[in-house]
């Protein structure tokens, strides 16, 4: 938000300088050489405007700060977020002006943390408005239906404190919507060793979010539901990754992850 405000301010300032020199004091625009401030404004205005429009309406970069989305996303991944997947919003004020699509179960979503909108979080959307979410014995139920899942094997990862962990990776399948159309997505999750449990009914206009690293994620089980207006956009791929786990120096460019698609694989359950 701060970056958007600063960028918008620079766009406005550059535009004002150009208009002032063109219409208010036209003699300034005719000087040779041009005043430095007019030269800078002419040079940077189109670039600043393009960046502002792209970031505000199309896509925004986001860095993964924690391991709550292992195994799908790793600490140090830089992702792009599609900002018009769920509707076109005005930058800064975030007022929706055009409906495009609705969030679906299984989407990886970047959003403003409800308890502190200055912070950006990323989690997987699990519950839609009206859903009843139950979580017990590391098993997820939606509207009374147990989600299909199977063990894939062990998964080793290193956290921000440089500590290694070993967990069991599962493949989970979740229907994308409340319609019985047989469309679902599958994705990897890590076992929840905390054995946390609870039951929640998702209110209208809100969503239930969970991290894929089920035992190490502060999500809707902790802070509650996500209001629709807090959604920033849908994550879609990794454009850079910094923090190779095999590097003893504790970092490095991981070329293997660049270009990784982060959205879940679509499957058909065979339902009518």
Protein backbone atom coordinates (compact mmCIF):
# COMPACT_ATOMS: atom_id res chain seq x y z
CA UNK A 1 0.00 0.00 0.00
CA UNK A 2 2.80 2.45 0.90
CA UNK A 3 4.60 1.68 -2.35
CA UNK A 4 1.40 2.27 -4.35
CA UNK A 5 0.82 5.64 -2.64
CA UNK A 6 4.40 6.77 -3.27
CA UNK A 7 4.26 5.61 -6.89
CA UNK A 8 0.94 7.37 -7.44
CA UNK A 9 2.38 10.54 -5.89
CA UNK A 10 5.35 10.47 -8.29
CA UNK A 11 3.00 9.98 -11.27
CA UNK A 12 0.88 12.95 -10.19
CA UNK A 13 3.92 15.13 -9.49
CA UNK A 14 5.46 14.38 -12.89
CA UNK A 15 2.16 15.06 -14.62
CA UNK A 16 1.67 18.36 -12.79
CA UNK A 17 5.17 19.54 -13.75
CA UNK A 18 4.54 18.73 -17.43
CA UNK A 19 1.12 20.44 -17.49
CA UNK A 20 2.38 23.46 -15.57
CA UNK A 21 5.25 24.01 -17.98
CA UNK A 22 3.04 23.36 -21.01
CA UNK A 23 -0.01 25.48 -20.22
CA UNK A 24 0.71 27.80 -17.27
CA UNK A 25 4.24 28.93 -18.11
CA UNK A 26 4.76 27.77 -21.73
CA UNK A 27 8.00 29.71 -21.98
CA UNK A 28 9.62 27.09 -19.73
CA UNK A 29 8.79 24.32 -22.21
CA UNK A 30 10.39 26.33 -25.04
CA UNK A 31 13.71 26.86 -23.29
CA UNK A 32 16.78 25.18 -24.73
CA UNK A 33 17.91 23.19 -22.92
CA UNK A 34 14.75 22.35 -20.99
CA UNK A 35 14.76 22.91 -17.22
CA UNK A 36 16.03 19.78 -15.44
CA UNK A 37 12.75 19.20 -13.61
CA UNK A 38 10.79 19.25 -16.90
CA UNK A 39 13.31 16.93 -18.55
CA UNK A 40 13.04 14.48 -15.64
CA UNK A 41 9.24 14.69 -15.62
CA UNK A 42 8.99 13.97 -19.36
CA UNK A 43 11.40 11.04 -19.04
CA UNK A 44 9.92 9.34 -15.99
CA UNK A 45 6.19 10.06 -16.34
CA UNK A 46 5.38 7.32 -18.93
CA UNK A 47 7.52 4.76 -17.08
CA UNK A 48 5.98 5.56 -13.69
CA UNK A 49 2.47 5.54 -15.14
CA UNK A 50 3.02 2.15 -16.82
CA UNK A 51 4.41 0.61 -13.62
CA UNK A 52 1.53 2.04 -11.59
CA UNK A 53 -1.11 0.67 -13.99
CA UNK A 54 0.51 -2.76 -14.26
CA UNK A 55 0.98 -3.10 -10.51
CA UNK A 56 -2.40 -1.62 -9.66
CA UNK A 57 -4.58 -3.50 -12.16
CA UNK A 58 -2.67 -6.45 -13.62
CA UNK A 59 -0.02 -8.13 -11.46
CA UNK A 60 1.95 -7.47 -8.28
CA UNK A 61 5.14 -9.17 -7.04
CA UNK A 62 5.14 -10.77 -3.61
CA UNK A 63 7.89 -12.48 -1.62
CA UNK A 64 7.15 -15.59 0.47
CA UNK A 65 8.31 -14.65 4.00
CA UNK A 66 7.65 -17.90 5.88
CA UNK A 67 7.30 -21.66 5.50
CA UNK A 68 3.53 -21.78 6.04
CA UNK A 69 2.93 -22.78 2.40
CA UNK A 70 5.38 -25.68 2.15
CA UNK A 71 5.50 -27.87 0.06
CA UNK A 72 3.91 -25.65 -2.62
CA UNK A 73 5.87 -22.47 -1.90
CA UNK A 74 9.26 -22.09 -0.26
CA UNK A 75 10.82 -19.33 1.82
CA UNK A 76 12.48 -16.91 -0.61
CA UNK A 77 10.12 -17.54 -3.53
CA UNK A 78 9.08 -14.41 -5.41
CA UNK A 79 5.64 -14.84 -6.95
CA UNK A 80 3.36 -12.85 -9.22
CA UNK A 81 -0.21 -12.17 -8.11
CA UNK A 82 -3.01 -11.78 -10.65
CA UNK A 83 -4.93 -8.75 -9.39
CA UNK A 84 -7.95 -9.03 -11.71
CA UNK A 85 -8.84 -12.71 -11.21
CA UNK A 86 -11.60 -11.82 -8.75
CA UNK A 87 -12.63 -8.44 -10.15
CA UNK A 88 -11.09 -5.13 -11.11
CA UNK A 89 -10.31 -2.86 -8.14
CA UNK A 90 -9.10 0.70 -8.06
CA UNK A 91 -5.54 0.96 -6.70
CA UNK A 92 -5.04 2.38 -3.17
CA UNK A 93 -8.78 2.71 -2.33
CA UNK A 94 -9.37 -0.92 -3.44
CA UNK A 95 -12.97 -0.28 -4.52
CA UNK A 96 -14.22 -2.99 -6.86
CA UNK A 97 -15.47 -1.50 -10.12
CA UNK A 98 -15.90 -4.61 -12.28
CA UNK A 99 -16.80 -8.22 -11.50
CA UNK A 100 -14.70 -10.84 -13.30
CA UNK A 101 -14.65 -14.05 -11.28
CA UNK A 102 -15.14 -15.48 -7.81
CA UNK A 103 -12.55 -17.10 -5.53
CA UNK A 104 -12.69 -20.89 -5.57
CA UNK A 105 -11.62 -23.55 -3.13
CA UNK A 106 -8.02 -24.52 -3.69
CA UNK A 107 -6.88 -21.09 -4.94
CA UNK A 108 -3.68 -19.67 -3.47
CA UNK A 109 -4.62 -16.15 -2.46
CA UNK A 110 -2.64 -13.10 -1.34
CA UNK A 111 -4.61 -10.85 1.01
CA UNK A 112 -4.37 -8.12 3.59
CA UNK A 113 -4.16 -9.63 7.08
CA UNK A 114 -7.53 -8.85 8.76
CA UNK A 115 -5.89 -7.96 12.10
CA UNK A 116 -3.32 -5.66 10.47
CA UNK A 117 -4.09 -4.67 6.84
CA UNK A 118 -0.57 -3.28 6.47
CA UNK A 119 0.67 -6.89 6.33
CA UNK A 120 0.18 -9.17 3.32
CA UNK A 121 -0.48 -12.89 3.88
CA UNK A 122 -0.68 -15.82 1.49
CA UNK A 123 -2.76 -18.95 2.14
CA UNK A 124 -4.92 -21.47 0.33
CA UNK A 125 -8.65 -20.83 0.15
CA UNK A 126 -10.45 -23.74 1.83
CA UNK A 127 -13.92 -22.53 2.74
CA UNK A 128 -16.47 -20.54 0.71
CA UNK A 129 -19.32 -18.47 2.20
CA UNK A 130 -21.83 -20.84 3.81
CA UNK A 131 -19.39 -23.76 4.12
CA UNK A 132 -19.05 -25.67 7.37
CA UNK A 133 -15.38 -26.43 7.95
CA UNK A 134 -14.30 -29.13 10.39
CA UNK A 135 -10.72 -30.03 11.20
CA UNK A 136 -9.82 -32.90 13.48
CA UNK A 137 -7.07 -35.52 13.67
CA UNK A 138 -5.19 -33.71 10.87
CA UNK A 139 -8.18 -34.33 8.59
CA UNK A 140 -10.27 -31.70 6.82
CA UNK A 141 -14.05 -31.96 6.34
CA UNK A 142 -16.14 -29.58 4.24
CA UNK A 143 -19.90 -29.65 4.75
CA UNK A 144 -19.55 -33.03 6.43
CA UNK A 145 -17.55 -34.58 3.59
CA UNK A 146 -14.05 -35.85 4.34
CA UNK A 147 -11.53 -34.71 1.75
CA UNK A 148 -9.71 -37.42 -0.17
CA UNK A 149 -6.00 -37.53 0.58
CA UNK A 150 -3.11 -39.97 0.29
CA UNK A 151 0.45 -40.11 1.57
CA UNK A 152 3.18 -39.11 -0.89
CA UNK A 153 6.19 -39.63 1.40
CA UNK A 154 8.60 -37.68 3.59
CA UNK A 155 9.32 -34.01 2.97
CA UNK A 156 12.34 -32.19 4.40
CA UNK A 157 12.53 -28.42 4.62
CA UNK A 158 14.43 -25.68 6.40
CA UNK A 159 12.70 -22.80 8.18
CA UNK A 160 13.69 -19.15 8.64
CA UNK A 161 15.65 -20.06 11.78
CA UNK A 162 17.77 -22.41 9.64
CA UNK A 163 16.30 -25.45 11.40
CA UNK A 164 15.58 -28.64 9.46
CA UNK A 165 12.21 -30.35 9.75
CA UNK A 166 10.86 -33.64 8.44
CA UNK A 167 7.16 -34.02 7.79
CA UNK A 168 4.80 -36.33 5.91
CA UNK A 169 3.57 -34.93 2.60
CA UNK A 170 0.00 -35.69 1.59
CA UNK A 171 -1.87 -35.10 -1.63
CA UNK A 172 -5.27 -33.58 -0.90
CA UNK A 173 -8.24 -33.20 -3.27
CA UNK A 174 -10.81 -30.45 -2.76
CA UNK A 175 -13.89 -29.51 -4.85
CA UNK A 176 -13.49 -26.04 -6.33
CA UNK A 177 -17.03 -24.83 -5.65
CA UNK A 178 -20.33 -25.74 -4.04
CA UNK A 179 -21.70 -27.00 -7.38
CA UNK A 180 -21.75 -30.77 -7.83
CA UNK A 181 -19.96 -30.55 -11.19
CA UNK A 182 -17.15 -32.96 -10.39
CA UNK A 183 -14.42 -30.31 -10.74
CA UNK A 184 -11.76 -30.42 -8.04
CA UNK A 185 -8.10 -29.60 -7.55
CA UNK A 186 -5.29 -31.53 -5.90
CA UNK A 187 -2.24 -30.16 -4.11
CA UNK A 188 0.35 -31.11 -1.52
CA UNK A 189 0.08 -30.46 2.21
CA UNK A 190 2.29 -31.30 5.18
CA UNK A 191 1.08 -33.26 8.18
CA UNK A 192 -0.21 -31.35 11.20
CA UNK A 193 1.68 -32.67 14.19
CA UNK A 194 -0.18 -30.31 16.52
CA UNK A 195 -3.40 -32.27 16.07
CA UNK A 196 -5.35 -29.02 16.14
CA UNK A 197 -9.13 -29.23 15.81
CA UNK A 198 -12.19 -27.05 15.46
CA UNK A 199 -15.38 -26.36 13.53
CA UNK A 200 -16.37 -23.14 11.76
CA UNK A 201 -19.25 -21.89 9.59
CA UNK A 202 -18.06 -19.39 7.01
CA UNK A 203 -20.18 -16.17 6.97
CA UNK A 204 -21.41 -14.51 3.81
CA UNK A 205 -18.80 -12.32 2.14
CA UNK A 206 -15.93 -14.08 3.92
CA UNK A 207 -13.59 -17.03 3.36
CA UNK A 208 -11.70 -19.66 5.34
CA UNK A 209 -7.95 -19.80 4.65
CA UNK A 210 -5.33 -22.40 5.56
CA UNK A 211 -1.61 -22.82 4.95
CA UNK A 212 -0.42 -26.00 3.21
CA UNK A 213 2.07 -26.55 6.04
CA UNK A 214 -0.82 -27.41 8.33
CA UNK A 215 1.18 -27.65 11.55
CA UNK A 216 3.05 -24.37 11.04
CA UNK A 217 0.56 -21.84 9.76
CA UNK A 218 -1.24 -18.95 11.44
CA UNK A 219 -4.44 -19.01 9.41
CA UNK A 220 -8.23 -18.90 9.81
CA UNK A 221 -7.98 -21.50 12.57
CA UNK A 222 -6.20 -18.81 14.59
CA UNK A 223 -7.38 -15.37 13.46
CA UNK A 224 -10.78 -16.09 11.93
CA UNK A 225 -12.34 -15.46 8.54
CA UNK A 226 -11.06 -13.42 5.61
CA UNK A 227 -13.34 -10.59 4.40
CA UNK A 228 -13.73 -10.46 0.63
CA UNK A 229 -12.52 -6.86 0.45
CA UNK A 230 -9.13 -7.88 1.90
CA UNK A 231 -8.27 -10.07 -1.09
CA UNK A 232 -5.40 -8.74 -3.24
CA UNK A 233 -5.31 -11.42 -5.92
CA UNK A 234 -4.54 -14.96 -7.01
CA UNK A 235 -0.93 -16.20 -7.03
CA UNK A 236 0.00 -17.93 -10.26
CA UNK A 237 3.75 -18.54 -10.66
CA UNK A 238 7.25 -18.15 -9.19
CA UNK A 239 9.30 -15.61 -11.16
CA UNK A 240 12.38 -15.82 -8.93
CA UNK A 241 13.55 -17.80 -5.92
CA UNK A 242 16.34 -16.79 -3.57
CA UNK A 243 17.38 -19.15 -0.80
CA UNK A 244 18.72 -22.47 -2.08
CA UNK A 245 18.51 -24.94 0.82
CA UNK A 246 21.68 -26.71 -0.32
CA UNK A 247 23.76 -23.56 -0.14
CA UNK A 248 25.86 -23.45 3.03
CA UNK A 249 25.94 -19.67 2.81
CA UNK A 250 22.20 -19.69 3.47
CA UNK A 251 21.05 -18.28 0.15
CA UNK A 252 21.39 -18.27 -3.60
CA UNK A 253 19.41 -18.12 -6.80
CA UNK A 254 17.38 -21.31 -7.30
CA UNK A 255 16.94 -21.67 -11.06
CA UNK A 256 14.92 -24.88 -10.68
CA UNK A 257 12.01 -23.00 -9.10
CA UNK A 258 11.89 -20.09 -11.54
CA UNK A 259 8.73 -20.38 -13.64
CA UNK A 260 7.08 -22.86 -11.26
CA UNK A 261 3.29 -22.83 -11.53
CA UNK A 262 1.81 -22.58 -8.03
CA UNK A 263 -1.89 -23.17 -8.61
CA UNK A 264 -3.28 -26.62 -7.93
CA UNK A 265 -3.82 -29.26 -10.61
CA UNK A 266 -7.41 -29.58 -11.85
CA UNK A 267 -8.94 -33.05 -11.62
CA UNK A 268 -12.35 -34.52 -12.36
CA UNK A 269 -14.00 -36.53 -9.61
CA UNK A 270 -16.61 -38.01 -11.89
CA UNK A 271 -19.56 -36.37 -10.12
CA UNK A 272 -22.56 -35.20 -12.11
